[in-house]
Structures are given as C-alpha cells and as structure tokens.
Amino acid sequence: MHIETLKIFCELAELLSFSKTAEKHFLSQSAVSQQLAQLELTHKCQLINRKKRPIELTKEGELLYKAAKDMLERYEQLKSELNSLKASGGVRINVAAIYSIGMHTLPGYVKKFMVNYPNVNVHIEYSDASRIYESVLAGDIDIGLVAVPKRDKRLDVYDFEDEPLVLVCSPRHALANESQIDIHKVQFERFIGFEKDVPTRIWIDNILQRYNIVVRPVMEFDNIETVKRAVEINSGISILPQTAIIQEVNDGTIKSIAFSDENFFRPTGIIVRKNKILSQAGRYIIELLRKKAR
C-alpha cells in the first residue's frame, strides 16, 4: 500500500465525501474511487458503504482507518527522525506565515532561534491564510502563523501575539494631526480594507459594527503591503496592526494614530497539525513563539 493512498482513504473516512476528498488532494472523484476500489480489492472486503448518504465506513473500514492513522503517524515520526540524523545543516523546518507576520514580526524570533540552532534551515514562505491551513493539514508545512486563528479539531492552535490596531492615514490626510482619535471619526471616511474572506477584515468589521460605524470602502486588497501603498498615496484611511507599519511611520510616509475608545487588537496564532511529530528544533521554535503570548 502506498502512503498517499492511505492518506486519501483517511481523508475520505473523515470527510465522508468523495468530492471534498478529491478537491483537497487535487484529484478527480474518479481517481479517489479507483484508489478506494484498489484498497478493497487488496483486502477483499468493502470499506465504504456507498448506499448511505452521507457515505459511512463499514466495520472493516473503521478497522483499516484506525490502522492507517497509526501507520501515517509512525511514518511522520520516521521522516522526522531521519531528518534529525542528517548531516549538520540538513534539518529543515518549514514555516508559512501571512505577509504581515512573516515580514514584520517573525524575523526577530528567527534570529533568537538561530542562536541555539545555527545549523537548522528555517524555510519561511509568505501566503494567504486559507493556503496556510491547507498546507499545514496536508503536512507540507510544519508550522503556520495566521491572524484571527480558527479552531479546528485537526489542528493544535496556540496563542501568538495580540497586535495593537491603529488608524493609519497619509501625512496629508485631514486626520493626520490627531494624537489620538475617537473611532467614531472614522464614520463615512474613505476606507481601504481587506477583501471579504480575509480573517482580519472580518475582525475589523466586527469592531466597526460594535460601535455602529459605517465607512466608505474604496479599495479592498488581499494583503497588508498593498493596503499600505494605497494609504501612502492618500487614497483613504485604514485600520492596521501597529507592528506592520513601523518602517513606514519611521520613514514618515504613513501616520499612525491610536484610538482613544479602547485598546483594539488583532489576535494571531500558531497552527500545527494535531499529532504532528516535530524535531527538537521544531518544538523549540514553537515554545519560543509562545513565550510572547504567555
């Protein structure tokens, strides 16, 4: 049996859907059905009751599912132990972070990590939140860093930093001379925000709704860097994490203004696939990241 076939069977057993399993593994439904049929032929028994809606495991299927999960966990442990035995410099930790965390918050932690593990290769990639969740669950990424983390029974989720949220505008904007600002002054202002499916957008929308504030959306982007560029040219104001605009504030291209109403923040989190076997270096970097939250 191929490891990949067992992975697909376990996903099918958990999702109870050929279409969802196929989509998750970038396969056709026919390919998933063929792999299931091959498993059933190999073991000479029916593993899935296809007549039920949704489909369900047979007793034989439940038995194989438990054994397959155990085999996959042992295989992940084997890969981790093999990596640990590689020559110096061969161990690698794959980290994926949303742009704002990866570019502005994470580098300081990586520097601290490298003091104790100078020979470990920490590979960091920037991505959107949905892709990070997919990559962590698929096992392609060891550690993910996201904003407004969502709970998932397949993931271990740890608190990271609570990032202060501030009003940002161009130095040429009418609000730029304010030292502090009441959030109600945002009412009806031209607003540059994130796209609707971005978790930070949902978080900020909830804050505005709590204060019964309506803004005028003029632009929406999927990443913080583009939002900042639009603010710099005075296309509108925005609400962003303070940690992500330090350079622009120092350069004088963006004005940061604290809110007087309350200390607004954006939660961030660390996500790791449940039962993921990490190397000692991998466990250490998670502890390092969690220290700030504690």
Protein backbone atom coordinates (compact mmCIF):
# COMPACT_ATOMS: atom_id res chain seq x y z
CA MET A 1 0.00 0.00 0.00
CA HIS A 2 1.24 3.48 -0.84
CA ILE A 3 1.33 6.11 1.91
CA GLU A 4 -0.54 8.53 -0.34
CA THR A 5 -3.36 6.01 -0.81
CA LEU A 6 -3.71 5.64 2.95
CA LYS A 7 -3.81 9.43 3.33
CA ILE A 8 -6.62 9.67 0.80
CA PHE A 9 -8.55 6.86 2.50
CA CYS A 10 -8.22 8.58 5.90
CA GLU A 11 -9.42 11.87 4.43
CA LEU A 12 -12.38 10.07 2.86
CA ALA A 13 -13.17 8.44 6.20
CA GLU A 14 -13.10 11.83 7.95
CA LEU A 15 -14.81 13.98 5.33
CA LEU A 16 -17.30 11.28 4.21
CA SER A 17 -17.35 12.90 0.78
CA PHE A 18 -15.68 11.83 -2.47
CA SER A 19 -15.92 15.36 -3.88
CA LYS A 20 -14.35 17.07 -0.84
CA THR A 21 -11.60 14.46 -0.64
CA ALA A 22 -10.85 14.84 -4.34
CA GLU A 23 -10.76 18.63 -4.07
CA LYS A 24 -8.42 18.54 -1.06
CA HIS A 25 -5.94 16.29 -2.86
CA PHE A 26 -6.32 17.98 -6.26
CA LEU A 27 -7.67 14.75 -7.79
CA SER A 28 -10.78 13.76 -9.69
CA GLN A 29 -13.58 11.94 -7.88
CA SER A 30 -12.92 9.03 -10.21
CA ALA A 31 -9.29 8.83 -9.02
CA VAL A 32 -10.41 8.72 -5.38
CA SER A 33 -12.95 5.99 -6.19
CA GLN A 34 -10.27 3.97 -8.01
CA GLN A 35 -7.88 4.15 -5.05
CA LEU A 36 -10.65 3.04 -2.70
CA ALA A 37 -11.53 0.18 -5.06
CA GLN A 38 -7.87 -0.90 -5.11
CA LEU A 39 -7.79 -0.99 -1.31
CA GLU A 40 -11.00 -3.02 -1.21
CA LEU A 41 -9.61 -5.42 -3.83
CA THR A 42 -6.37 -5.82 -1.89
CA HIS A 43 -8.16 -6.59 1.39
CA LYS A 44 -11.09 -8.44 -0.22
CA CYS A 45 -13.74 -6.52 1.71
CA GLN A 46 -15.98 -3.47 1.42
CA LEU A 47 -14.59 -0.46 3.28
CA ILE A 48 -17.22 2.19 2.50
CA ASN A 49 -20.99 1.84 2.41
CA ARG A 50 -21.77 3.90 -0.70
CA LYS A 51 -25.55 3.46 -0.37
CA LYS A 52 -25.71 5.65 2.73
CA ARG A 53 -25.97 9.43 2.45
CA PRO A 54 -23.57 10.62 3.60
CA ILE A 55 -21.36 7.61 2.98
CA GLU A 56 -20.14 5.74 6.03
CA LEU A 57 -17.41 3.31 6.97
CA THR A 58 -18.11 -0.40 7.26
CA LYS A 59 -16.69 -2.25 10.27
CA GLU A 60 -13.76 -3.30 8.07
CA GLY A 61 -13.35 0.33 7.01
CA GLU A 62 -13.23 1.51 10.61
CA LEU A 63 -10.57 -1.09 11.36
CA LEU A 64 -8.44 -0.02 8.39
CA TYR A 65 -8.94 3.67 9.26
CA LYS A 66 -7.56 3.22 12.78
CA ALA A 67 -4.62 1.17 11.49
CA ALA A 68 -3.93 3.64 8.67
CA LYS A 69 -3.92 6.63 11.05
CA ASP A 70 -1.40 4.80 13.22
CA MET A 71 0.78 3.96 10.21
CA LEU A 72 0.69 7.54 8.93
CA GLU A 73 1.69 8.90 12.36
CA ARG A 74 4.54 6.39 12.56
CA TYR A 75 5.61 7.36 9.05
CA GLU A 76 5.68 11.05 10.01
CA GLN A 77 7.76 10.13 13.05
CA LEU A 78 10.14 8.14 10.85
CA LYS A 79 10.59 11.12 8.50
CA SER A 80 11.26 13.40 11.46
CA GLU A 81 13.83 11.03 12.94
CA LEU A 82 15.54 10.58 9.57
CA ASN A 83 15.76 14.36 9.23
CA SER A 84 17.35 14.58 12.68
CA LEU A 85 20.02 12.09 11.59
CA LYS A 86 21.00 14.11 8.53
CA ALA A 87 24.32 15.85 8.42
CA SER A 88 24.68 19.26 10.00
CA GLY A 89 22.67 21.79 8.06
CA GLY A 90 20.32 19.13 6.70
CA VAL A 91 17.49 19.64 9.19
CA ARG A 92 14.79 21.95 7.88
CA ILE A 93 11.70 23.49 9.44
CA ASN A 94 9.02 24.71 7.06
CA VAL A 95 7.13 27.75 8.32
CA ALA A 96 4.34 29.58 6.50
CA ALA A 97 3.05 32.96 7.66
CA ILE A 98 0.64 35.59 6.43
CA TYR A 99 2.52 38.53 4.92
CA SER A 100 2.30 40.92 7.87
CA ILE A 101 3.56 38.38 10.42
CA GLY A 102 6.19 36.87 8.13
CA MET A 103 7.67 40.20 7.07
CA HIS A 104 7.40 42.24 10.27
CA THR A 105 7.04 40.05 13.36
CA LEU A 106 8.71 36.71 12.62
CA PRO A 107 12.29 37.79 11.71
CA GLY A 108 13.15 38.72 15.32
CA TYR A 109 12.09 35.30 16.55
CA VAL A 110 14.09 33.54 13.84
CA LYS A 111 17.23 35.42 14.90
CA LYS A 112 16.74 34.24 18.50
CA PHE A 113 16.12 30.69 17.28
CA MET A 114 19.32 30.63 15.21
CA VAL A 115 21.41 31.41 18.30
CA ASN A 116 20.59 27.93 19.66
CA TYR A 117 20.15 26.11 16.34
CA PRO A 118 22.56 27.74 13.88
CA ASN A 119 22.65 24.69 11.59
CA VAL A 120 18.90 24.30 11.18
CA ASN A 121 17.41 25.66 7.97
CA VAL A 122 14.25 27.62 8.76
CA HIS A 123 12.41 27.96 5.46
CA ILE A 124 9.78 30.71 5.58
CA GLU A 125 7.17 31.33 2.94
CA TYR A 126 4.50 34.03 2.83
CA SER A 127 0.99 33.00 1.89
CA ASP A 128 -2.68 33.76 2.46
CA ALA A 129 -4.42 32.21 5.47
CA SER A 130 -6.53 29.66 3.57
CA ARG A 131 -3.50 28.20 1.84
CA ILE A 132 -1.57 28.04 5.12
CA TYR A 133 -4.35 25.98 6.73
CA GLU A 134 -4.37 23.62 3.74
CA SER A 135 -0.58 23.22 3.73
CA VAL A 136 -0.39 22.56 7.48
CA LEU A 137 -3.17 19.95 7.30
CA ALA A 138 -1.53 18.31 4.28
CA GLY A 139 1.78 18.08 6.14
CA ASP A 140 3.65 20.24 3.64
CA ILE A 141 4.23 22.93 6.28
CA ASP A 142 5.36 22.23 9.85
CA ILE A 143 4.20 25.47 11.49
CA GLY A 144 1.72 28.10 10.34
CA LEU A 145 1.26 31.66 11.61
CA VAL A 146 -2.09 33.31 10.95
CA ALA A 147 -4.25 36.18 12.15
CA VAL A 148 -7.54 35.55 13.97
CA PRO A 149 -6.90 31.78 14.11
CA LYS A 150 -9.87 29.48 13.71
CA ARG A 151 -10.36 26.37 15.79
CA ASP A 152 -10.21 23.02 14.01
CA LYS A 153 -10.24 19.57 15.61
CA ARG A 154 -7.42 18.55 13.27
CA LEU A 155 -5.14 21.35 14.49
CA ASP A 156 -3.32 22.38 17.64
CA VAL A 157 -3.77 26.15 17.91
CA TYR A 158 -1.57 28.27 20.20
CA ASP A 159 -1.83 31.95 21.00
CA PHE A 160 0.85 34.16 19.49
CA GLU A 161 0.90 37.97 19.69
CA ASP A 162 -2.04 40.33 20.20
CA GLU A 163 -1.20 43.09 17.73
CA PRO A 164 -2.45 46.62 18.57
CA LEU A 165 -4.69 48.06 15.87
CA VAL A 166 -4.31 51.74 14.95
CA LEU A 167 -5.79 54.17 12.48
CA VAL A 168 -3.43 54.80 9.58
CA CYS A 169 -3.54 57.62 7.07
CA SER A 170 -1.33 59.66 4.81
CA PRO A 171 0.51 62.60 6.45
CA ARG A 172 -1.53 64.75 4.01
CA HIS A 173 -4.87 63.48 5.34
CA ALA A 174 -7.10 65.78 7.42
CA LEU A 175 -6.84 63.42 10.42
CA ALA A 176 -3.03 63.25 10.36
CA ASN A 177 -2.57 65.90 13.09
CA GLU A 178 -4.60 63.95 15.66
CA SER A 179 -2.55 62.44 18.50
CA GLN A 180 -5.45 60.17 19.49
CA ILE A 181 -8.74 59.61 17.78
CA ASP A 182 -12.27 58.57 18.69
CA ILE A 183 -13.24 55.65 16.47
CA HIS A 184 -16.49 57.43 15.57
CA LYS A 185 -14.43 59.87 13.47
CA VAL A 186 -13.90 57.03 11.02
CA GLN A 187 -17.62 57.27 10.14
CA PHE A 188 -18.15 57.77 6.38
CA GLU A 189 -14.42 58.18 5.71
CA ARG A 190 -12.97 56.70 2.51
CA PHE A 191 -11.71 53.34 3.74
CA ILE A 192 -9.09 50.96 2.36
CA GLY A 193 -9.67 47.46 3.66
CA PHE A 194 -9.01 43.79 3.15
CA GLU A 195 -11.05 41.50 0.93
CA LYS A 196 -14.13 39.95 2.50
CA ASP A 197 -12.68 36.46 3.06
CA VAL A 198 -9.55 37.75 4.87
CA PRO A 199 -9.88 36.99 8.63
CA THR A 200 -8.55 40.44 9.62
CA ARG A 201 -11.32 42.06 7.55
CA ILE A 202 -13.94 40.12 9.48
CA TRP A 203 -12.31 41.09 12.79
CA ILE A 204 -12.21 44.81 11.93
CA ASP A 205 -15.77 44.73 10.56
CA ASN A 206 -16.92 43.35 13.91
CA ILE A 207 -15.23 46.24 15.74
CA LEU A 208 -16.90 48.81 13.47
CA GLN A 209 -20.28 47.13 13.86
CA ARG A 210 -19.91 47.13 17.63
CA TYR A 211 -19.59 50.93 17.51
CA ASN A 212 -22.31 51.27 14.83
CA ILE A 213 -19.84 52.81 12.39
CA VAL A 214 -20.23 52.85 8.62
CA VAL A 215 -17.23 53.51 6.40
CA ARG A 216 -16.99 54.10 2.65
CA PRO A 217 -14.97 51.23 1.13
CA VAL A 218 -12.97 52.49 -1.84
CA MET A 219 -10.40 49.72 -2.23
CA GLU A 220 -10.02 46.13 -1.00
CA PHE A 221 -6.86 44.02 -1.13
CA ASP A 222 -5.79 40.55 -0.02
CA ASN A 223 -2.55 41.62 1.67
CA ILE A 224 -1.34 44.33 4.02
CA GLU A 225 1.50 45.60 1.84
CA THR A 226 -0.87 46.77 -0.91
CA VAL A 227 -3.18 48.38 1.67
CA LYS A 228 -0.22 50.40 2.95
CA ARG A 229 0.74 51.58 -0.52
CA ALA A 230 -2.80 52.85 -1.11
CA VAL A 231 -2.78 54.69 2.24
CA GLU A 232 0.57 56.30 1.42
CA ILE A 233 -0.84 57.95 -1.71
CA ASN A 234 -3.79 59.27 0.33
CA SER A 235 -6.46 57.13 -1.32
CA GLY A 236 -8.13 56.71 2.06
CA ILE A 237 -7.61 55.65 5.66
CA SER A 238 -7.37 52.16 7.13
CA ILE A 239 -7.06 50.22 10.39
CA LEU A 240 -3.92 48.10 10.55
CA PRO A 241 -1.70 46.27 13.08
CA GLN A 242 0.86 48.66 14.51
CA THR A 243 3.66 46.09 14.09
CA ALA A 244 3.19 46.11 10.31
CA ILE A 245 3.69 49.86 9.77
CA ILE A 246 6.78 50.60 11.88
CA GLN A 247 9.01 51.19 8.85
CA GLU A 248 6.53 53.49 7.09
CA VAL A 249 5.93 55.50 10.27
CA ASN A 250 9.70 55.90 10.74
CA ASP A 251 10.05 56.98 7.11
CA GLY A 252 7.20 59.49 7.51
CA THR A 253 5.08 58.01 4.70
CA ILE A 254 2.25 56.86 6.99
CA LYS A 255 0.78 58.42 10.12
CA SER A 256 -0.24 56.07 12.96
CA ILE A 257 -2.95 57.27 15.36
CA ALA A 258 -4.04 55.37 18.50
CA PHE A 259 -7.72 55.07 19.34
CA SER A 260 -8.98 56.77 22.50
CA ASP A 261 -12.02 54.50 22.98
CA GLU A 262 -10.23 51.27 23.92
CA ASN A 263 -7.17 49.25 23.05
CA PHE A 264 -8.20 47.44 19.89
CA PHE A 265 -6.06 44.48 18.85
CA ARG A 266 -5.83 41.66 16.33
CA PRO A 267 -5.13 38.16 17.75
CA THR A 268 -2.64 35.96 15.94
CA GLY A 269 -1.93 32.28 16.39
CA ILE A 270 0.37 29.36 15.71
CA ILE A 271 -1.17 26.33 14.00
CA VAL A 272 0.30 22.83 13.86
CA ARG A 273 -1.35 19.68 12.59
CA LYS A 274 -2.57 17.57 15.52
CA ASN A 275 -0.22 14.68 16.33
CA LYS A 276 2.45 16.21 14.09
CA ILE A 277 5.84 14.74 15.00
CA LEU A 278 8.27 17.65 15.25
CA SER A 279 12.01 17.58 15.74
CA GLN A 280 13.52 19.02 18.90
CA ALA A 281 14.29 22.20 16.95
CA GLY A 282 10.69 22.39 15.75
CA ARG A 283 9.35 22.07 19.28
CA TYR A 284 11.78 24.74 20.46
CA ILE A 285 10.69 27.30 17.87
CA ILE A 286 7.05 26.82 18.91
CA GLU A 287 7.98 27.37 22.57
CA LEU A 288 9.92 30.47 21.54
CA LEU A 289 6.91 31.86 19.66
CA ARG A 290 4.52 31.05 22.53
CA LYS A 291 6.62 32.85 25.17
CA LYS A 292 5.43 36.23 23.98
CA ALA A 293 1.79 35.23 24.33
CA ARG A 294 2.34 33.88 27.83
